[in-house]
Amino acid sequence: MNQVWYYSTIYGPEIITRIVSALFAFGGLWGLIRYLLYSIGLYSLARRRGIHKSWMAWIPVLNRWVLGCVSDQYRYIARAENKNRRKILLWEEILCLVLSAVMFVCTGILIAGGIVNALRNDTLFLTPDNAICFQILFCAFAARTVLAVAKTVLTYMCCYDLYLSCVPADAVVLLVLSVLFTFLTPIFVFALRSKDGGMPPRQGEGIPGRPQWHPVGDNQDN
């Protein structure tokens, strides 16, 4: 007598759903951990060095300003260079958000237009209005891509200054690791929050281990 085995797939979708949910939960948890490590590290470092409005390290987008302030402060004190990376970083981030919003709106208009044309049985997808949206979408995408590259390069330049101000001997290694493994950057910032190996002592202080540098020039409004 032949036996026929029936394999039920009732648990298949449930298992897939659980796996996907677990992945999303892990991604969310890891994102939260990265945010906390980076925010705590950047806030502690900026506050200890006397950078104004260091609390902005806790706010996405505005934390770019704090990172730029750390870089500008190091460049001014250690290298006698007056930079404005904090302003460039912040504006790059804002422009990226604006371009992303433009892309989102244009994509929504194109999708809605395609649905309307399909309901009307119209084979013409690129109507004059849709063609304009497509051109705007393409230009916004190209501009955002270029801006994202520039923002990434400047971010790593600021991170390099941060590493130089903390552990100058290991700054290159930390930068390379940050570029190759981006998830390490928050960990490095958190671990270096109490180090000042590359910062010169403040004039008139002479308190070992407790430097209190402050922004200078137009940094006073930071």
C-alpha atoms as a PDB file:
ATOM      1  CA  MET A   1       0.000   0.000   0.000  1.00  0.00           C
ATOM      2  CA  ASN A   2       1.448   3.315  -1.065  1.00  0.00           C
ATOM      3  CA  GLN A   3       1.525   6.034   1.559  1.00  0.00           C
ATOM      4  CA  VAL A   4       0.971   9.567   0.480  1.00  0.00           C
ATOM      5  CA  TRP A   5       2.472  12.305   2.585  1.00  0.00           C
ATOM      6  CA  TYR A   6       0.918  15.719   2.592  1.00  0.00           C
ATOM      7  CA  TYR A   7       3.077  18.647   3.555  1.00  0.00           C
ATOM      8  CA  SER A   8       1.198  21.575   4.960  1.00  0.00           C
ATOM      9  CA  THR A   9       2.478  25.062   4.211  1.00  0.00           C
ATOM     10  CA  ILE A  10       0.278  26.749   6.774  1.00  0.00           C
ATOM     11  CA  TYR A  11       3.328  27.761   8.841  1.00  0.00           C
ATOM     12  CA  GLY A  12       5.308  29.071   5.881  1.00  0.00           C
ATOM     13  CA  PRO A  13       3.847  32.589   5.774  1.00  0.00           C
ATOM     14  CA  GLU A  14       3.939  32.826   9.563  1.00  0.00           C
ATOM     15  CA  ILE A  15       7.624  31.963   9.674  1.00  0.00           C
ATOM     16  CA  ILE A  16       8.420  34.486   6.949  1.00  0.00           C
ATOM     17  CA  THR A  17       6.415  37.132   8.780  1.00  0.00           C
ATOM     18  CA  ARG A  18       8.262  36.424  12.021  1.00  0.00           C
ATOM     19  CA  ILE A  19      11.640  36.574  10.302  1.00  0.00           C
ATOM     20  CA  VAL A  20      10.811  39.876   8.623  1.00  0.00           C
ATOM     21  CA  SER A  21       9.447  41.288  11.894  1.00  0.00           C
ATOM     22  CA  ALA A  22      12.574  40.165  13.737  1.00  0.00           C
ATOM     23  CA  LEU A  23      14.785  41.809  11.115  1.00  0.00           C
ATOM     24  CA  PHE A  24      12.851  45.067  11.364  1.00  0.00           C
ATOM     25  CA  ALA A  25      13.014  44.933  15.164  1.00  0.00           C
ATOM     26  CA  PHE A  26      16.748  44.270  15.103  1.00  0.00           C
ATOM     27  CA  GLY A  27      17.291  47.087  12.602  1.00  0.00           C
ATOM     28  CA  GLY A  28      15.269  49.493  14.727  1.00  0.00           C
ATOM     29  CA  LEU A  29      17.093  48.479  17.902  1.00  0.00           C
ATOM     30  CA  TRP A  30      20.495  48.803  16.252  1.00  0.00           C
ATOM     31  CA  GLY A  31      19.522  52.194  14.847  1.00  0.00           C
ATOM     32  CA  LEU A  32      18.512  53.333  18.337  1.00  0.00           C
ATOM     33  CA  ILE A  33      21.789  52.081  19.817  1.00  0.00           C
ATOM     34  CA  ARG A  34      23.794  53.892  17.131  1.00  0.00           C
ATOM     35  CA  TYR A  35      21.830  57.079  17.719  1.00  0.00           C
ATOM     36  CA  LEU A  36      22.401  56.938  21.484  1.00  0.00           C
ATOM     37  CA  LEU A  37      26.110  56.172  21.175  1.00  0.00           C
ATOM     38  CA  TYR A  38      26.703  58.949  18.662  1.00  0.00           C
ATOM     39  CA  SER A  39      24.560  61.522  20.473  1.00  0.00           C
ATOM     40  CA  ILE A  40      26.053  60.806  23.894  1.00  0.00           C
ATOM     41  CA  GLY A  41      29.591  60.844  22.534  1.00  0.00           C
ATOM     42  CA  LEU A  42      29.218  64.013  20.464  1.00  0.00           C
ATOM     43  CA  TYR A  43      27.277  65.857  23.160  1.00  0.00           C
ATOM     44  CA  SER A  44      29.769  64.936  25.899  1.00  0.00           C
ATOM     45  CA  LEU A  45      32.742  65.927  23.758  1.00  0.00           C
ATOM     46  CA  ALA A  46      31.234  69.232  22.624  1.00  0.00           C
ATOM     47  CA  ARG A  47      29.986  70.181  26.089  1.00  0.00           C
ATOM     48  CA  ARG A  48      33.310  69.409  27.733  1.00  0.00           C
ATOM     49  CA  ARG A  49      35.127  71.559  25.186  1.00  0.00           C
ATOM     50  CA  GLY A  50      32.818  74.492  25.773  1.00  0.00           C
ATOM     51  CA  ILE A  51      31.022  74.450  22.418  1.00  0.00           C
ATOM     52  CA  HIS A  52      27.801  76.430  22.632  1.00  0.00           C
ATOM     53  CA  LYS A  53      24.460  74.695  22.078  1.00  0.00           C
ATOM     54  CA  SER A  54      26.015  71.270  22.422  1.00  0.00           C
ATOM     55  CA  TRP A  55      22.505  69.934  23.137  1.00  0.00           C
ATOM     56  CA  MET A  56      21.883  70.013  19.385  1.00  0.00           C
ATOM     57  CA  ALA A  57      23.945  66.820  19.207  1.00  0.00           C
ATOM     58  CA  TRP A  58      20.752  65.010  20.240  1.00  0.00           C
ATOM     59  CA  ILE A  59      18.716  66.339  17.330  1.00  0.00           C
ATOM     60  CA  PRO A  60      19.071  64.764  13.870  1.00  0.00           C
ATOM     61  CA  VAL A  61      20.183  67.247  11.194  1.00  0.00           C
ATOM     62  CA  LEU A  62      21.220  69.796  13.854  1.00  0.00           C
ATOM     63  CA  ASN A  63      23.868  67.391  15.101  1.00  0.00           C
ATOM     64  CA  ARG A  64      25.716  68.118  11.863  1.00  0.00           C
ATOM     65  CA  TRP A  65      26.282  71.629  13.194  1.00  0.00           C
ATOM     66  CA  VAL A  66      27.844  70.279  16.392  1.00  0.00           C
ATOM     67  CA  LEU A  67      30.137  67.941  14.469  1.00  0.00           C
ATOM     68  CA  GLY A  68      31.222  70.867  12.301  1.00  0.00           C
ATOM     69  CA  CYS A  69      31.842  72.970  15.429  1.00  0.00           C
ATOM     70  CA  VAL A  70      34.143  70.298  16.836  1.00  0.00           C
ATOM     71  CA  SER A  71      36.066  70.270  13.551  1.00  0.00           C
ATOM     72  CA  ASP A  72      36.198  74.087  13.280  1.00  0.00           C
ATOM     73  CA  GLN A  73      37.335  74.431  16.880  1.00  0.00           C
ATOM     74  CA  TYR A  74      40.170  71.953  16.390  1.00  0.00           C
ATOM     75  CA  ARG A  75      41.254  73.605  13.138  1.00  0.00           C
ATOM     76  CA  TYR A  76      41.311  77.043  14.745  1.00  0.00           C
ATOM     77  CA  ILE A  77      43.045  76.103  18.003  1.00  0.00           C
ATOM     78  CA  ALA A  78      45.478  73.472  16.775  1.00  0.00           C
ATOM     79  CA  ARG A  79      46.096  74.647  13.198  1.00  0.00           C
ATOM     80  CA  ALA A  80      45.211  78.358  13.298  1.00  0.00           C
ATOM     81  CA  GLU A  81      42.748  77.803  10.428  1.00  0.00           C
ATOM     82  CA  ASN A  82      39.384  79.523  10.348  1.00  0.00           C
ATOM     83  CA  LYS A  83      36.897  77.094   8.786  1.00  0.00           C
ATOM     84  CA  ASN A  84      33.123  77.150   8.450  1.00  0.00           C
ATOM     85  CA  ARG A  85      32.443  73.472   8.037  1.00  0.00           C
ATOM     86  CA  ARG A  86      29.628  73.590  10.572  1.00  0.00           C
ATOM     87  CA  LYS A  87      27.622  75.905   8.310  1.00  0.00           C
ATOM     88  CA  ILE A  88      28.358  73.914   5.164  1.00  0.00           C
ATOM     89  CA  LEU A  89      27.412  70.633   6.841  1.00  0.00           C
ATOM     90  CA  LEU A  90      24.125  72.001   8.112  1.00  0.00           C
ATOM     91  CA  TRP A  91      23.121  73.544   4.797  1.00  0.00           C
ATOM     92  CA  GLU A  92      24.062  70.393   2.908  1.00  0.00           C
ATOM     93  CA  GLU A  93      21.824  68.374   5.191  1.00  0.00           C
ATOM     94  CA  ILE A  94      18.930  70.818   4.802  1.00  0.00           C
ATOM     95  CA  LEU A  95      19.266  70.905   1.009  1.00  0.00           C
ATOM     96  CA  CYS A  96      19.322  67.098   0.890  1.00  0.00           C
ATOM     97  CA  LEU A  97      16.077  66.997   2.845  1.00  0.00           C
ATOM     98  CA  VAL A  98      14.481  69.577   0.536  1.00  0.00           C
ATOM     99  CA  LEU A  99      15.549  67.679  -2.583  1.00  0.00           C
ATOM    100  CA  SER A 100      14.273  64.431  -1.084  1.00  0.00           C
ATOM    101  CA  ALA A 101      10.909  66.074  -0.460  1.00  0.00           C
ATOM    102  CA  VAL A 102      10.811  67.326  -4.071  1.00  0.00           C
ATOM    103  CA  MET A 103      11.607  63.815  -5.333  1.00  0.00           C
ATOM    104  CA  PHE A 104       8.895  62.326  -3.129  1.00  0.00           C
ATOM    105  CA  VAL A 105       6.260  64.776  -4.391  1.00  0.00           C
ATOM    106  CA  CYS A 106       7.228  64.321  -8.041  1.00  0.00           C
ATOM    107  CA  THR A 107       7.201  60.539  -7.704  1.00  0.00           C
ATOM    108  CA  GLY A 108       3.750  60.690  -6.136  1.00  0.00           C
ATOM    109  CA  ILE A 109       2.466  62.894  -8.967  1.00  0.00           C
ATOM    110  CA  LEU A 110       3.890  60.525 -11.592  1.00  0.00           C
ATOM    111  CA  ILE A 111       2.341  57.485  -9.933  1.00  0.00           C
ATOM    112  CA  ALA A 112      -1.012  59.212  -9.563  1.00  0.00           C
ATOM    113  CA  GLY A 113      -0.868  60.335 -13.184  1.00  0.00           C
ATOM    114  CA  GLY A 114      -0.081  56.813 -14.323  1.00  0.00           C
ATOM    115  CA  ILE A 115      -3.038  55.428 -12.374  1.00  0.00           C
ATOM    116  CA  VAL A 116      -5.382  58.051 -13.819  1.00  0.00           C
ATOM    117  CA  ASN A 117      -4.169  57.333 -17.354  1.00  0.00           C
ATOM    118  CA  ALA A 118      -4.653  53.610 -16.797  1.00  0.00           C
ATOM    119  CA  LEU A 119      -8.216  54.147 -15.608  1.00  0.00           C
ATOM    120  CA  ARG A 120      -8.890  56.249 -18.681  1.00  0.00           C
ATOM    121  CA  ASN A 121      -7.322  53.605 -20.924  1.00  0.00           C
ATOM    122  CA  ASP A 122      -4.889  56.253 -22.087  1.00  0.00           C
ATOM    123  CA  THR A 123      -1.662  54.798 -23.423  1.00  0.00           C
ATOM    124  CA  LEU A 124       0.146  58.138 -23.225  1.00  0.00           C
ATOM    125  CA  PHE A 125       2.070  58.095 -19.965  1.00  0.00           C
ATOM    126  CA  LEU A 126       4.223  61.183 -20.354  1.00  0.00           C
ATOM    127  CA  THR A 127       1.621  63.878 -20.650  1.00  0.00           C
ATOM    128  CA  PRO A 128       2.953  67.458 -20.698  1.00  0.00           C
ATOM    129  CA  ASP A 129       2.404  67.771 -16.939  1.00  0.00           C
ATOM    130  CA  ASN A 130       3.997  64.396 -16.220  1.00  0.00           C
ATOM    131  CA  ALA A 131       6.942  65.256 -18.458  1.00  0.00           C
ATOM    132  CA  ILE A 132       7.633  68.373 -16.389  1.00  0.00           C
ATOM    133  CA  CYS A 133       7.459  66.341 -13.162  1.00  0.00           C
ATOM    134  CA  PHE A 134       9.802  63.758 -14.644  1.00  0.00           C
ATOM    135  CA  GLN A 135      12.323  66.453 -15.570  1.00  0.00           C
ATOM    136  CA  ILE A 136      12.126  67.970 -12.093  1.00  0.00           C
ATOM    137  CA  LEU A 137      12.534  64.513 -10.558  1.00  0.00           C
ATOM    138  CA  PHE A 138      15.599  63.775 -12.682  1.00  0.00           C
ATOM    139  CA  CYS A 139      17.230  67.126 -11.874  1.00  0.00           C
ATOM    140  CA  ALA A 140      16.468  66.745  -8.144  1.00  0.00           C
ATOM    141  CA  PHE A 141      17.885  63.223  -8.146  1.00  0.00           C
ATOM    142  CA  ALA A 142      21.089  64.313  -9.897  1.00  0.00           C
ATOM    143  CA  ALA A 143      21.537  67.305  -7.602  1.00  0.00           C
ATOM    144  CA  ARG A 144      20.891  65.234  -4.492  1.00  0.00           C
ATOM    145  CA  THR A 145      23.362  62.570  -5.598  1.00  0.00           C
ATOM    146  CA  VAL A 146      26.131  65.145  -6.073  1.00  0.00           C
ATOM    147  CA  LEU A 147      25.228  66.850  -2.799  1.00  0.00           C
ATOM    148  CA  ALA A 148      25.169  63.527  -0.929  1.00  0.00           C
ATOM    149  CA  VAL A 149      28.683  62.719  -2.147  1.00  0.00           C
ATOM    150  CA  ALA A 150      29.946  66.154  -1.082  1.00  0.00           C
ATOM    151  CA  LYS A 151      28.206  65.805   2.282  1.00  0.00           C
ATOM    152  CA  THR A 152      29.745  62.386   2.872  1.00  0.00           C
ATOM    153  CA  VAL A 153      33.243  63.625   2.046  1.00  0.00           C
ATOM    154  CA  LEU A 154      32.914  66.655   4.339  1.00  0.00           C
ATOM    155  CA  THR A 155      31.468  64.492   7.118  1.00  0.00           C
ATOM    156  CA  TYR A 156      34.494  62.213   7.030  1.00  0.00           C
ATOM    157  CA  MET A 157      36.781  65.247   7.000  1.00  0.00           C
ATOM    158  CA  CYS A 158      35.093  66.480  10.179  1.00  0.00           C
ATOM    159  CA  CYS A 159      35.292  63.009  11.726  1.00  0.00           C
ATOM    160  CA  TYR A 160      38.996  62.967  10.915  1.00  0.00           C
ATOM    161  CA  ASP A 161      39.443  66.267  12.750  1.00  0.00           C
ATOM    162  CA  LEU A 162      37.544  64.830  15.694  1.00  0.00           C
ATOM    163  CA  TYR A 163      39.825  61.791  15.747  1.00  0.00           C
ATOM    164  CA  LEU A 164      42.905  64.022  15.442  1.00  0.00           C
ATOM    165  CA  SER A 165      41.761  66.100  18.399  1.00  0.00           C
ATOM    166  CA  CYS A 166      41.312  62.971  20.528  1.00  0.00           C
ATOM    167  CA  VAL A 167      43.904  60.400  19.486  1.00  0.00           C
ATOM    168  CA  PRO A 168      46.138  61.859  16.732  1.00  0.00           C
ATOM    169  CA  ALA A 169      48.304  58.748  16.490  1.00  0.00           C
ATOM    170  CA  ASP A 170      45.312  56.551  15.583  1.00  0.00           C
ATOM    171  CA  ALA A 171      43.297  59.091  13.579  1.00  0.00           C
ATOM    172  CA  VAL A 172      44.100  57.632  10.148  1.00  0.00           C
ATOM    173  CA  VAL A 173      43.240  54.100  11.233  1.00  0.00           C
ATOM    174  CA  LEU A 174      39.968  55.228  12.775  1.00  0.00           C
ATOM    175  CA  LEU A 175      39.066  57.173   9.635  1.00  0.00           C
ATOM    176  CA  VAL A 176      39.741  54.202   7.363  1.00  0.00           C
ATOM    177  CA  LEU A 177      37.657  51.938   9.589  1.00  0.00           C
ATOM    178  CA  SER A 178      34.862  54.523   9.649  1.00  0.00           C
ATOM    179  CA  VAL A 179      34.814  54.657   5.848  1.00  0.00           C
ATOM    180  CA  LEU A 180      34.906  50.890   5.403  1.00  0.00           C
ATOM    181  CA  PHE A 181      32.528  50.092   8.261  1.00  0.00           C
ATOM    182  CA  THR A 182      30.207  53.031   8.813  1.00  0.00           C
ATOM    183  CA  PHE A 183      28.548  51.406  11.825  1.00  0.00           C
ATOM    184  CA  LEU A 184      31.788  51.909  13.760  1.00  0.00           C
ATOM    185  CA  THR A 185      31.636  55.715  13.656  1.00  0.00           C
ATOM    186  CA  PRO A 186      29.138  56.105  16.544  1.00  0.00           C
ATOM    187  CA  ILE A 187      31.175  53.637  18.591  1.00  0.00           C
ATOM    188  CA  PHE A 188      34.376  55.603  17.989  1.00  0.00           C
ATOM    189  CA  VAL A 189      32.736  58.923  18.848  1.00  0.00           C
ATOM    190  CA  PHE A 190      31.350  57.461  22.061  1.00  0.00           C
ATOM    191  CA  ALA A 191      34.675  55.888  23.037  1.00  0.00           C
ATOM    192  CA  LEU A 192      36.627  59.118  22.414  1.00  0.00           C
ATOM    193  CA  ARG A 193      34.253  61.476  24.222  1.00  0.00           C
ATOM    194  CA  SER A 194      36.701  61.996  27.122  1.00  0.00           C
ATOM    195  CA  LYS A 195      39.970  62.216  25.184  1.00  0.00           C
ATOM    196  CA  ASP A 196      41.882  65.324  24.118  1.00  0.00           C
ATOM    197  CA  GLY A 197      45.213  63.928  22.996  1.00  0.00           C
ATOM    198  CA  GLY A 198      45.450  66.237  19.989  1.00  0.00           C
ATOM    199  CA  MET A 199      44.210  69.430  21.618  1.00  0.00           C
ATOM    200  CA  PRO A 200      46.786  71.950  22.870  1.00  0.00           C
ATOM    201  CA  PRO A 201      46.377  73.210  26.433  1.00  0.00           C
ATOM    202  CA  ARG A 202      44.334  76.347  26.754  1.00  0.00           C
ATOM    203  CA  GLN A 203      46.358  79.432  27.524  1.00  0.00           C
ATOM    204  CA  GLY A 204      46.088  80.505  31.125  1.00  0.00           C
ATOM    205  CA  GLU A 205      44.476  77.318  32.359  1.00  0.00           C
ATOM    206  CA  GLY A 206      47.243  74.859  33.057  1.00  0.00           C
ATOM    207  CA  ILE A 207      44.883  72.350  34.638  1.00  0.00           C
ATOM    208  CA  PRO A 208      46.034  68.924  33.429  1.00  0.00           C
ATOM    209  CA  GLY A 209      43.219  66.701  32.285  1.00  0.00           C
ATOM    210  CA  ARG A 210      40.596  69.468  32.457  1.00  0.00           C
ATOM    211  CA  PRO A 211      40.918  71.651  29.378  1.00  0.00           C
ATOM    212  CA  GLN A 212      38.074  74.111  28.733  1.00  0.00           C
ATOM    213  CA  TRP A 213      38.414  75.303  25.184  1.00  0.00           C
ATOM    214  CA  HIS A 214      35.820  77.671  23.811  1.00  0.00           C
ATOM    215  CA  PRO A 215      34.949  78.577  20.252  1.00  0.00           C
ATOM    216  CA  VAL A 216      36.547  81.759  19.018  1.00  0.00           C
ATOM    217  CA  GLY A 217      35.612  84.492  16.597  1.00  0.00           C
ATOM    218  CA  ASP A 218      32.227  83.887  14.975  1.00  0.00           C
ATOM    219  CA  ASN A 219      32.083  80.526  16.763  1.00  0.00           C
ATOM    220  CA  GLN A 220      30.664  82.320  19.762  1.00  0.00           C
ATOM    221  CA  ASP A 221      27.145  81.907  18.391  1.00  0.00           C
ATOM    222  CA  ASN A 222      27.429  78.116  18.237  1.00  0.00           C
END
